[in-house]
Amino acid sequence: MYLDSSKKAEIFAQYGKDAKNTGSVESQVALFTFRIKHLTEHMKLNHKDVGTQRALTVLVGKRRAMLEYLKERDIERYRALIKELGIRK
């Protein structure tokens, strides 16, 4: 499986305050970005997989909403996260 509990804990430890901080905006956006990258690679090989395409669209929408929230609350954290994750916006 591409995303197990150890990988999630690693992402949360890197982008959140610690491994138990799973609710911070930065850690959630980082997790969504990891999943989006994985699903994008899957879609390159399986372009007719409509279920995955929908899941990818939903994830991108959720990430965008969280980034908008962060942008309104704290623009410096937003800019740092965008730069660190390599998301172009």
Protein backbone atom coordinates (compact mmCIF):
# COMPACT_ATOMS: atom_id res chain seq x y z
CA MET A 1 0.00 0.00 0.00
CA TYR A 2 1.35 3.40 -0.92
CA LEU A 3 0.16 5.20 2.22
CA ASP A 4 0.48 3.33 5.49
CA SER A 5 0.46 4.65 9.04
CA SER A 6 4.23 5.07 9.19
CA LYS A 7 4.24 7.22 6.05
CA LYS A 8 1.40 9.34 7.45
CA ALA A 9 3.27 9.80 10.73
CA GLU A 10 6.36 10.85 8.78
CA ILE A 11 4.37 13.45 6.81
CA PHE A 12 2.68 14.77 9.97
CA ALA A 13 6.02 14.97 11.80
CA GLN A 14 7.63 16.86 8.94
CA TYR A 15 4.87 19.40 8.24
CA GLY A 16 2.96 19.56 11.53
CA LYS A 17 4.41 20.44 14.88
CA ASP A 18 4.88 16.75 15.75
CA ALA A 19 3.65 13.33 14.60
CA LYS A 20 0.46 13.61 16.68
CA ASN A 21 -0.57 16.96 15.19
CA THR A 22 -2.71 15.56 12.40
CA GLY A 23 -5.21 18.40 12.22
CA SER A 24 -3.00 21.34 11.33
CA VAL A 25 -3.59 22.87 7.93
CA GLU A 26 0.02 22.34 6.88
CA SER A 27 -0.02 18.63 7.66
CA GLN A 28 -3.37 18.10 5.95
CA VAL A 29 -2.26 19.95 2.81
CA ALA A 30 0.97 17.92 2.77
CA LEU A 31 -0.99 14.67 3.05
CA PHE A 32 -3.37 15.75 0.27
CA THR A 33 -0.39 16.67 -1.91
CA PHE A 34 1.19 13.25 -1.38
CA ARG A 35 -2.08 11.53 -2.32
CA ILE A 36 -2.60 13.82 -5.33
CA LYS A 37 0.87 12.99 -6.67
CA HIS A 38 0.18 9.28 -6.30
CA LEU A 39 -3.21 9.48 -8.01
CA THR A 40 -1.76 11.61 -10.81
CA GLU A 41 0.81 8.92 -11.57
CA HIS A 42 -1.97 6.32 -11.54
CA MET A 43 -4.03 8.40 -13.98
CA LYS A 44 -1.09 8.63 -16.39
CA LEU A 45 -1.15 4.84 -16.72
CA ASN A 46 -4.94 4.33 -16.44
CA HIS A 47 -6.52 7.26 -18.21
CA LYS A 48 -9.96 5.63 -18.39
CA ASP A 49 -10.28 5.14 -14.62
CA VAL A 50 -13.18 7.50 -13.94
CA GLY A 51 -13.45 6.70 -10.22
CA THR A 52 -9.86 7.68 -9.60
CA GLN A 53 -10.32 10.77 -11.72
CA ARG A 54 -13.22 11.86 -9.54
CA ALA A 55 -11.29 11.14 -6.34
CA LEU A 56 -8.40 13.21 -7.68
CA THR A 57 -10.70 16.12 -8.49
CA VAL A 58 -12.24 16.00 -5.00
CA LEU A 59 -8.80 15.94 -3.35
CA VAL A 60 -7.60 18.90 -5.39
CA GLY A 61 -10.71 20.83 -4.35
CA LYS A 62 -10.17 20.03 -0.68
CA ARG A 63 -6.53 21.06 -0.86
CA ARG A 64 -7.45 24.28 -2.62
CA ALA A 65 -10.03 25.13 0.05
CA MET A 66 -7.51 24.53 2.84
CA LEU A 67 -4.92 26.65 1.05
CA GLU A 68 -7.44 29.47 0.67
CA TYR A 69 -8.21 29.24 4.39
CA LEU A 70 -4.51 29.41 5.24
CA LYS A 71 -4.00 32.30 2.83
CA GLU A 72 -6.73 34.32 4.55
CA ARG A 73 -5.46 33.52 8.08
CA ASP A 74 -1.67 33.72 7.74
CA ILE A 75 -0.09 34.66 4.42
CA GLU A 76 3.47 33.91 5.60
CA ARG A 77 2.63 30.30 6.56
CA TYR A 78 0.82 29.97 3.22
CA ARG A 79 3.83 31.16 1.22
CA ALA A 80 6.22 28.94 3.17
CA LEU A 81 4.02 25.87 2.64
CA ILE A 82 3.57 26.51 -1.08
CA LYS A 83 7.32 26.90 -1.49
CA GLU A 84 8.16 23.81 0.57
CA LEU A 85 5.67 21.54 -1.20
CA GLY A 86 6.41 22.89 -4.65
CA ILE A 87 2.79 23.69 -5.40
CA ARG A 88 2.38 26.32 -8.06
CA LYS A 89 -0.50 28.64 -7.47
